[in-house]
Amino acid sequence: MDESRAYLSDSRPRFRLPSAADLCTPVPCMTADETNEKVLEVFTRHRDLISLPVVEGNRPIGLINRSIFLSQFSKPFRMELYGKKSCIAFMDKEPLVVDASTDIDTLTVKTVEYGEKALTDGFIITRGGLFAGVGNGLQLMRAVADMQVARNRQIMHSIEYASVIQQSLLRSSRDSLARACPGADLVWEPRDVVGGDFYQFSQDGDGWFATVADCTGHGVPGAFMTLIATSSLSQAIKEHGPRDPAALLGHVNRSVKQMLGQLDGKDGTPGSDDGLDAACFWFEPAHRRLRFAGARLALFVLRPGAEAVEVLDGQRKGVGYVDSEFDFAWNNIDLELPAATLVFITTDGLIDQVGGPRGITFGKKRVRELLLEQAGRTPAEINRALLAALQTWQGEHHRRDDLTFFCFRT
């Protein structure tokens, strides 16, 4: 039996808490005296290798991230300048290192404390201080979810760990939004403890970037997808910068399709058909210029004194799905917005919620009407009014999906 699944064996009457050893994957490693040319050779040979450990005397001293390394070496003259130099030039000198005996509970806490880097780059696993292999964040989240199946009483306990991981990834974005646009307001309510909606905000020079997205599914499966999507988007921003939302959607599309095997599954069948809908924009407050790109999500705009809300629909192509071409190119829409313009984005959890006397969806029309009615109020007051209207509309109907919407004034 595969060691990583041993704790689920029906032949074992008692539950055994998995440890880091169950997540340990043997991979090649480098030594400090090996060159960056050698690193490039290893990454080329092992295309599924996310990070490459560096050891000294078989003790780990760092971790080289594949995407960051290849991105650096794609720049002019980098091979000439650094090819013959030690591989430590591009390594993370402080990766998360854990012993193979570390239990999953402790490992989850350590990973959350360490931050997003440990989830996206992975972590090094040792035995007696010596390098044994690596683990990654997706394996960790799967292990947490598998524990729920193995013992029912641990279900909520384990999901709460996943929630801690998910919320820790989102916390820095909320902080960035508070700095970039103090008057903005965000509502994020997973249907379950964890969810498939996520948001991402970041500042850069004279502007700030925002994404609101809805991944396939909700609950734990949706949370898995948010991990994949947020890590892909973060890498896209590192490589392309935040000022071209359409290019970022294209990068995430290619990354998700590669990670989920949606290009060439066995017998021509894709590994999955999962992805996300997203609305992204770059905004420059000083000039009140906004650049928007959407994948099946819309941007609502209410200019001062206007008698109607303008709706800029995203393109009708989701990100990462099987029917989304690998090289599909989204388009940017550029807007010049007067002061005090209201900008609103929502996932379909608001628009598609069933309710009312006839059991129909809330719809975009009601969103537009409510935005117009509340036009003179603050973004926070507008969001509270929308939330109250949704709850009234929903009534005794079941909440269908995760809920995320975002509002700010220029």
Protein backbone atom coordinates (compact mmCIF):
# COMPACT_ATOMS: atom_id res chain seq x y z
CA MET A 1 0.00 0.00 0.00
CA ASP A 2 1.17 3.52 -0.80
CA GLU A 3 2.65 4.88 2.45
CA SER A 4 0.92 8.26 1.99
CA ARG A 5 -2.48 6.50 2.18
CA ALA A 6 -1.63 4.03 4.93
CA TYR A 7 -3.63 5.92 7.52
CA LEU A 8 -6.85 5.31 5.56
CA SER A 9 -6.47 1.51 5.41
CA ASP A 10 -9.63 -0.40 6.34
CA SER A 11 -7.41 -3.03 7.98
CA ARG A 12 -6.39 -0.58 10.69
CA PRO A 13 -8.98 -0.32 13.45
CA ARG A 14 -7.47 2.81 14.94
CA PHE A 15 -6.86 6.13 13.22
CA ARG A 16 -3.20 7.06 12.89
CA LEU A 17 -2.52 10.77 12.58
CA PRO A 18 -0.46 11.28 9.39
CA SER A 19 2.89 12.98 9.61
CA ALA A 20 5.22 14.91 7.31
CA ALA A 21 6.69 11.55 6.28
CA ASP A 22 3.39 10.76 4.50
CA LEU A 23 3.86 13.88 2.34
CA CYS A 24 7.57 13.35 1.66
CA THR A 25 8.47 13.16 -2.04
CA PRO A 26 12.10 12.30 -2.95
CA VAL A 27 13.46 14.87 -5.42
CA PRO A 28 16.91 15.81 -6.77
CA CYS A 29 18.92 18.29 -4.74
CA MET A 30 21.86 20.62 -5.39
CA THR A 31 24.98 21.46 -3.43
CA ALA A 32 26.31 24.97 -2.92
CA ASP A 33 29.26 24.38 -5.25
CA GLU A 34 27.02 23.45 -8.20
CA THR A 35 26.20 26.14 -10.75
CA ASN A 36 23.02 27.76 -12.00
CA GLU A 37 23.62 26.00 -15.32
CA LYS A 38 23.19 22.73 -13.44
CA VAL A 39 19.97 24.03 -11.84
CA LEU A 40 18.60 24.87 -15.30
CA GLU A 41 19.52 21.38 -16.48
CA VAL A 42 17.70 19.74 -13.54
CA PHE A 43 14.57 21.87 -13.98
CA THR A 44 14.57 21.07 -17.72
CA ARG A 45 14.88 17.34 -17.03
CA HIS A 46 12.26 17.31 -14.23
CA ARG A 47 9.38 19.41 -15.60
CA ASP A 48 7.08 18.69 -12.67
CA LEU A 49 9.62 19.91 -10.08
CA ILE A 50 8.22 22.99 -8.31
CA SER A 51 11.25 23.73 -6.10
CA LEU A 52 14.80 22.41 -5.93
CA PRO A 53 16.44 21.93 -2.50
CA VAL A 54 20.06 22.94 -1.85
CA VAL A 55 22.08 20.96 0.70
CA GLU A 56 25.46 21.16 2.40
CA GLY A 57 26.72 17.92 3.89
CA ASN A 58 23.23 16.51 3.16
CA ARG A 59 21.70 19.15 5.44
CA PRO A 60 19.26 21.58 3.76
CA ILE A 61 20.33 25.21 3.43
CA GLY A 62 17.83 26.58 0.92
CA LEU A 63 15.17 26.10 -1.75
CA ILE A 64 15.15 27.32 -5.38
CA ASN A 65 11.68 28.13 -6.76
CA ARG A 66 11.28 26.93 -10.35
CA SER A 67 9.13 29.82 -11.62
CA ILE A 68 11.26 32.54 -10.05
CA PHE A 69 14.50 30.93 -11.27
CA LEU A 70 13.29 30.47 -14.87
CA SER A 71 11.80 33.96 -14.89
CA GLN A 72 15.16 35.44 -13.84
CA PHE A 73 17.06 33.41 -16.42
CA SER A 74 14.71 34.46 -19.22
CA LYS A 75 16.06 38.01 -18.89
CA PRO A 76 18.88 39.14 -21.21
CA PHE A 77 22.44 38.18 -20.24
CA ARG A 78 21.40 36.38 -17.05
CA MET A 79 22.96 33.11 -18.25
CA GLU A 80 26.22 34.88 -19.12
CA LEU A 81 26.29 36.67 -15.76
CA TYR A 82 25.12 33.92 -13.43
CA GLY A 83 25.32 30.62 -15.33
CA LYS A 84 28.72 29.62 -13.88
CA LYS A 85 28.02 31.02 -10.41
CA SER A 86 26.85 29.07 -7.38
CA CYS A 87 23.19 28.10 -7.32
CA ILE A 88 22.79 29.82 -3.94
CA ALA A 89 22.47 33.12 -5.84
CA PHE A 90 18.76 32.46 -6.50
CA MET A 91 17.78 30.29 -3.55
CA ASP A 92 15.51 31.13 -0.65
CA LYS A 93 17.84 30.91 2.34
CA GLU A 94 15.02 30.50 4.88
CA PRO A 95 12.62 27.81 3.64
CA LEU A 96 10.34 25.93 6.01
CA VAL A 97 12.19 22.79 7.20
CA VAL A 98 10.37 20.12 9.22
CA ASP A 99 11.29 16.68 10.52
CA ALA A 100 9.55 13.69 8.96
CA SER A 101 8.03 12.81 12.33
CA THR A 102 6.12 16.13 12.56
CA ASP A 103 2.39 15.39 12.75
CA ILE A 104 -0.03 17.02 10.33
CA ASP A 105 -1.63 19.22 13.01
CA THR A 106 1.74 20.73 13.93
CA LEU A 107 2.80 20.96 10.29
CA THR A 108 -0.38 22.84 9.38
CA VAL A 109 0.19 25.38 12.15
CA LYS A 110 3.84 25.84 11.12
CA THR A 111 2.84 26.27 7.47
CA VAL A 112 0.21 28.90 8.30
CA GLU A 113 2.69 30.76 10.55
CA TYR A 114 5.33 30.64 7.82
CA GLY A 115 2.99 32.16 5.24
CA GLU A 116 2.08 31.77 1.58
CA LYS A 117 5.64 30.89 0.54
CA ALA A 118 5.52 27.52 2.32
CA LEU A 119 2.24 26.66 0.57
CA THR A 120 3.29 27.64 -2.96
CA ASP A 121 7.02 26.75 -2.91
CA GLY A 122 6.68 23.74 -0.63
CA PHE A 123 8.75 22.76 2.40
CA ILE A 124 11.80 20.60 3.06
CA ILE A 125 11.44 17.36 5.04
CA THR A 126 14.38 15.90 6.99
CA ARG A 127 15.16 12.77 8.98
CA GLY A 128 17.57 13.34 11.83
CA GLY A 129 18.50 16.70 10.33
CA LEU A 130 19.42 15.17 6.96
CA PHE A 131 17.57 15.91 3.74
CA ALA A 132 14.82 13.35 2.94
CA GLY A 133 12.55 15.07 0.39
CA VAL A 134 9.97 17.81 -0.04
CA GLY A 135 6.25 18.34 0.58
CA ASN A 136 3.85 20.93 -0.82
CA GLY A 137 0.82 22.90 0.27
CA LEU A 138 -1.66 21.07 -1.95
CA GLN A 139 -0.57 17.72 -0.46
CA LEU A 140 -0.99 19.20 2.99
CA MET A 141 -4.53 20.45 2.31
CA ARG A 142 -5.45 17.07 0.83
CA ALA A 143 -4.10 15.33 3.91
CA VAL A 144 -6.22 17.59 6.11
CA ALA A 145 -9.29 16.77 4.00
CA ASP A 146 -8.52 13.01 4.04
CA MET A 147 -8.43 13.09 7.82
CA GLN A 148 -12.09 14.16 7.76
CA VAL A 149 -13.03 10.98 5.86
CA ALA A 150 -11.03 8.78 8.24
CA ARG A 151 -12.72 10.04 11.39
CA ASN A 152 -16.05 11.85 11.28
CA ARG A 153 -15.58 13.63 14.59
CA GLN A 154 -12.54 15.44 13.14
CA ILE A 155 -14.46 16.91 10.19
CA MET A 156 -15.05 20.39 11.54
CA HIS A 157 -11.69 20.43 13.31
CA SER A 158 -9.89 19.70 10.03
CA ILE A 159 -11.95 22.11 7.93
CA GLU A 160 -11.17 24.83 10.43
CA TYR A 161 -7.48 24.20 9.75
CA ALA A 162 -8.19 24.63 6.05
CA SER A 163 -10.09 27.81 6.91
CA VAL A 164 -7.10 29.14 8.85
CA ILE A 165 -4.88 28.45 5.82
CA GLN A 166 -7.34 30.09 3.43
CA GLN A 167 -7.90 33.16 5.58
CA SER A 168 -4.17 33.59 6.19
CA LEU A 169 -3.70 33.79 2.40
CA LEU A 170 -6.42 36.45 2.14
CA ARG A 171 -5.34 38.54 5.14
CA SER A 172 -2.46 40.30 3.40
CA SER A 173 -4.80 41.29 0.55
CA ARG A 174 -7.25 42.89 2.98
CA ASP A 175 -4.36 44.81 4.55
CA SER A 176 -3.22 46.00 1.09
CA LEU A 177 -6.74 47.16 0.26
CA ALA A 178 -7.01 49.08 3.53
CA ARG A 179 -3.79 50.94 2.68
CA ALA A 180 -4.59 51.53 -1.00
CA CYS A 181 -8.25 52.54 -0.62
CA PRO A 182 -9.35 53.07 3.00
CA GLY A 183 -12.95 53.80 2.01
CA ALA A 184 -13.42 50.54 0.09
CA ASP A 185 -15.55 47.74 1.51
CA LEU A 186 -15.49 44.00 0.94
CA VAL A 187 -17.97 41.24 1.80
CA TRP A 188 -16.58 37.66 1.78
CA GLU A 189 -18.86 34.92 3.10
CA PRO A 190 -18.07 31.29 2.20
CA ARG A 191 -21.19 29.14 2.01
CA ASP A 192 -19.34 26.61 4.18
CA VAL A 193 -16.42 27.08 6.57
CA VAL A 194 -14.06 27.36 3.59
CA GLY A 195 -15.02 28.40 0.10
CA GLY A 196 -14.19 28.74 -3.56
CA ASP A 197 -14.33 32.55 -3.79
CA PHE A 198 -11.19 34.57 -3.26
CA TYR A 199 -9.92 38.13 -3.65
CA GLN A 200 -6.50 39.64 -4.13
CA PHE A 201 -5.35 43.24 -3.73
CA SER A 202 -1.88 44.75 -4.05
CA GLN A 203 -0.27 48.18 -4.35
CA ASP A 204 2.37 49.13 -6.89
CA GLY A 205 3.74 52.64 -7.27
CA ASP A 206 1.00 55.00 -8.42
CA GLY A 207 -1.87 52.51 -8.33
CA TRP A 208 -3.38 49.33 -7.00
CA PHE A 209 -4.58 46.02 -8.38
CA ALA A 210 -7.76 44.11 -7.48
CA THR A 211 -9.18 40.69 -8.27
CA VAL A 212 -12.45 39.10 -7.21
CA ALA A 213 -12.79 35.48 -8.37
CA ASP A 214 -15.06 32.46 -8.12
CA CYS A 215 -13.42 29.03 -8.40
CA THR A 216 -15.17 25.78 -9.29
CA GLY A 217 -17.04 24.37 -6.31
CA HIS A 218 -17.34 25.48 -2.72
CA GLY A 219 -16.30 24.03 0.62
CA VAL A 220 -13.02 22.08 0.65
CA PRO A 221 -12.88 21.38 -3.13
CA GLY A 222 -13.39 25.09 -3.80
CA ALA A 223 -10.68 25.93 -1.27
CA PHE A 224 -8.24 23.64 -3.13
CA MET A 225 -8.93 25.61 -6.28
CA THR A 226 -8.40 28.97 -4.55
CA LEU A 227 -4.94 27.78 -3.46
CA ILE A 228 -4.04 26.91 -7.05
CA ALA A 229 -5.54 30.11 -8.47
CA THR A 230 -4.05 32.53 -5.92
CA SER A 231 -0.59 31.03 -6.27
CA SER A 232 -0.87 31.24 -10.09
CA LEU A 233 -2.04 34.86 -9.91
CA SER A 234 0.74 35.82 -7.48
CA GLN A 235 3.31 34.34 -9.84
CA ALA A 236 1.73 36.13 -12.80
CA ILE A 237 2.00 39.47 -10.99
CA LYS A 238 5.66 38.78 -10.16
CA GLU A 239 6.43 38.08 -13.81
CA HIS A 240 4.21 40.63 -15.61
CA GLY A 241 3.44 43.29 -13.01
CA PRO A 242 -0.14 44.27 -12.06
CA ARG A 243 -0.96 46.83 -14.77
CA ASP A 244 -2.23 44.48 -17.49
CA PRO A 245 -5.24 42.51 -16.11
CA ALA A 246 -5.88 40.73 -19.41
CA ALA A 247 -2.32 39.36 -19.51
CA LEU A 248 -2.67 38.16 -15.91
CA LEU A 249 -5.86 36.25 -16.78
CA GLY A 250 -4.02 34.63 -19.67
CA HIS A 251 -1.13 33.57 -17.42
CA VAL A 252 -3.48 32.08 -14.81
CA ASN A 253 -5.40 30.26 -17.55
CA ARG A 254 -2.24 28.55 -18.83
CA SER A 255 -0.99 27.79 -15.32
CA VAL A 256 -4.26 26.22 -14.11
CA LYS A 257 -4.57 24.10 -17.26
CA GLN A 258 -1.01 22.81 -16.78
CA MET A 259 -1.35 22.15 -13.05
CA LEU A 260 -4.66 20.28 -13.40
CA GLY A 261 -3.71 18.29 -16.49
CA GLN A 262 -6.41 19.87 -18.61
CA LEU A 263 -4.29 19.69 -21.74
CA ASP A 264 -3.59 16.03 -22.34
CA GLY A 265 -5.10 13.55 -19.92
CA LYS A 266 -4.92 9.77 -20.42
CA ASP A 267 -6.62 8.57 -23.64
CA GLY A 268 -7.18 12.22 -24.54
CA THR A 269 -9.42 12.76 -21.51
CA PRO A 270 -8.53 15.85 -19.42
CA GLY A 271 -7.63 15.32 -15.79
CA SER A 272 -10.43 17.65 -14.68
CA ASP A 273 -12.64 20.47 -15.89
CA ASP A 274 -12.08 23.02 -13.15
CA GLY A 275 -11.27 26.69 -13.32
CA LEU A 276 -12.49 30.10 -12.23
CA ASP A 277 -14.41 33.20 -13.21
CA ALA A 278 -12.67 36.46 -12.37
CA ALA A 279 -12.84 40.24 -12.57
CA CYS A 280 -9.50 42.08 -12.43
CA PHE A 281 -8.62 45.74 -12.63
CA TRP A 282 -5.74 48.15 -12.25
CA PHE A 283 -6.62 51.61 -10.85
CA GLU A 284 -4.56 54.83 -10.71
CA PRO A 285 -6.19 57.13 -8.10
CA ALA A 286 -4.34 60.30 -9.10
CA HIS A 287 -5.69 60.14 -12.66
CA ARG A 288 -8.80 58.06 -11.86
CA ARG A 289 -7.92 55.68 -14.68
CA LEU A 290 -9.17 52.11 -14.45
CA ARG A 291 -8.22 49.15 -16.65
CA PHE A 292 -10.58 46.18 -16.43
CA ALA A 293 -10.55 42.61 -17.75
CA GLY A 294 -13.23 40.08 -16.89
CA ALA A 295 -13.74 36.35 -17.34
CA ARG A 296 -17.52 35.83 -16.97
CA LEU A 297 -17.73 38.45 -14.20
CA ALA A 298 -18.88 42.05 -14.70
CA LEU A 299 -17.87 45.49 -13.48
CA PHE A 300 -20.69 47.82 -12.32
CA VAL A 301 -19.98 51.56 -12.64
CA LEU A 302 -22.16 54.42 -11.38
CA ARG A 303 -20.90 57.87 -12.31
CA PRO A 304 -21.98 60.93 -10.26
CA GLY A 305 -25.37 62.20 -11.37
CA ALA A 306 -25.95 59.27 -13.74
CA GLU A 307 -29.48 57.88 -13.99
CA ALA A 308 -28.38 54.31 -14.66
CA VAL A 309 -25.62 51.91 -13.64
CA GLU A 310 -23.23 50.97 -16.43
CA VAL A 311 -22.43 47.24 -16.61
CA LEU A 312 -19.20 46.14 -18.31
CA ASP A 313 -19.60 42.43 -18.88
CA GLY A 314 -16.51 40.23 -18.82
CA GLN A 315 -15.78 38.02 -21.79
CA ARG A 316 -17.76 34.79 -21.86
CA LYS A 317 -14.75 32.58 -21.34
CA GLY A 318 -13.74 31.13 -17.98
CA VAL A 319 -10.15 30.71 -16.83
CA GLY A 320 -8.52 27.27 -16.89
CA TYR A 321 -11.49 25.21 -18.04
CA VAL A 322 -11.14 22.53 -20.73
CA ASP A 323 -13.04 24.66 -23.27
CA SER A 324 -10.78 27.68 -22.59
CA GLU A 325 -8.07 27.64 -25.24
CA PHE A 326 -4.53 27.51 -23.87
CA ASP A 327 -3.58 30.74 -25.68
CA PHE A 328 -6.93 32.55 -25.27
CA ALA A 329 -6.37 36.31 -24.92
CA TRP A 330 -8.66 38.41 -22.76
CA ASN A 331 -9.15 42.11 -23.57
CA ASN A 332 -8.62 45.17 -21.39
CA ILE A 333 -11.24 47.92 -21.14
CA ASP A 334 -9.86 51.36 -20.21
CA LEU A 335 -12.06 53.85 -18.33
CA GLU A 336 -11.63 57.48 -17.29
CA LEU A 337 -13.78 57.91 -14.18
CA PRO A 338 -14.81 61.22 -12.60
CA ALA A 339 -14.35 61.75 -8.87
CA ALA A 340 -16.86 59.95 -6.61
CA THR A 341 -17.68 57.30 -9.22
CA LEU A 342 -18.94 54.10 -7.58
CA VAL A 343 -17.29 50.84 -8.72
CA PHE A 344 -18.79 47.46 -7.76
CA ILE A 345 -17.83 43.83 -8.47
CA THR A 346 -19.56 40.65 -7.34
CA THR A 347 -19.25 36.91 -7.88
CA ASP A 348 -22.38 35.03 -8.94
CA GLY A 349 -23.21 34.11 -5.35
CA LEU A 350 -25.17 37.37 -5.14
CA ILE A 351 -26.71 37.40 -8.62
CA ASP A 352 -27.67 33.70 -8.78
CA GLN A 353 -29.18 33.36 -5.29
CA VAL A 354 -32.70 31.98 -5.55
CA GLY A 355 -35.45 33.62 -3.49
CA GLY A 356 -38.48 35.87 -3.54
CA PRO A 357 -42.12 34.77 -3.91
CA ARG A 358 -41.47 32.99 -7.23
CA GLY A 359 -38.18 31.31 -6.32
CA ILE A 360 -36.11 33.08 -9.00
CA THR A 361 -32.58 34.49 -8.98
CA PHE A 362 -31.68 37.86 -7.47
CA GLY A 363 -30.27 38.98 -10.82
CA LYS A 364 -28.16 41.86 -12.14
CA LYS A 365 -31.21 44.13 -12.50
CA ARG A 366 -31.83 44.17 -8.74
CA VAL A 367 -28.14 44.84 -8.14
CA ARG A 368 -28.27 47.85 -10.49
CA GLU A 369 -31.46 49.14 -8.87
CA LEU A 370 -30.02 48.85 -5.36
CA LEU A 371 -26.78 50.58 -6.36
CA LEU A 372 -28.79 53.44 -7.83
CA GLU A 373 -31.02 53.70 -4.73
CA GLN A 374 -27.99 53.74 -2.41
CA ALA A 375 -25.85 55.98 -4.63
CA GLY A 376 -25.29 58.68 -1.99
CA ARG A 377 -24.10 56.33 0.74
CA THR A 378 -20.62 55.05 1.60
CA PRO A 379 -19.32 51.78 0.10
CA ALA A 380 -19.70 50.08 3.49
CA GLU A 381 -23.32 51.25 3.79
CA ILE A 382 -24.04 50.16 0.21
CA ASN A 383 -22.65 46.69 0.87
CA ARG A 384 -24.67 46.37 4.08
CA ALA A 385 -27.82 47.34 2.18
CA LEU A 386 -27.08 44.77 -0.54
CA LEU A 387 -26.43 42.09 2.08
CA ALA A 388 -29.69 42.89 3.87
CA ALA A 389 -31.62 42.85 0.58
CA LEU A 390 -30.08 39.48 -0.31
CA GLN A 391 -30.98 37.95 3.04
CA THR A 392 -34.56 39.17 2.69
CA TRP A 393 -34.71 37.83 -0.88
CA GLN A 394 -33.25 34.46 0.14
CA GLY A 395 -35.78 33.96 2.92
CA GLU A 396 -36.01 30.27 3.74
CA HIS A 397 -34.17 29.17 0.60
CA HIS A 398 -30.80 27.46 0.96
CA ARG A 399 -27.68 29.55 0.33
CA ARG A 400 -26.52 28.31 -3.07
CA ASP A 401 -22.95 29.53 -3.30
CA ASP A 402 -20.11 31.46 -1.73
CA LEU A 403 -20.65 35.21 -1.59
CA THR A 404 -18.10 37.91 -2.42
CA PHE A 405 -18.66 41.51 -3.46
CA PHE A 406 -16.53 44.63 -3.40
CA CYS A 407 -17.29 48.35 -3.60
CA PHE A 408 -15.24 51.58 -3.68
CA ARG A 409 -15.37 55.19 -4.86
CA THR A 410 -12.80 56.86 -7.08
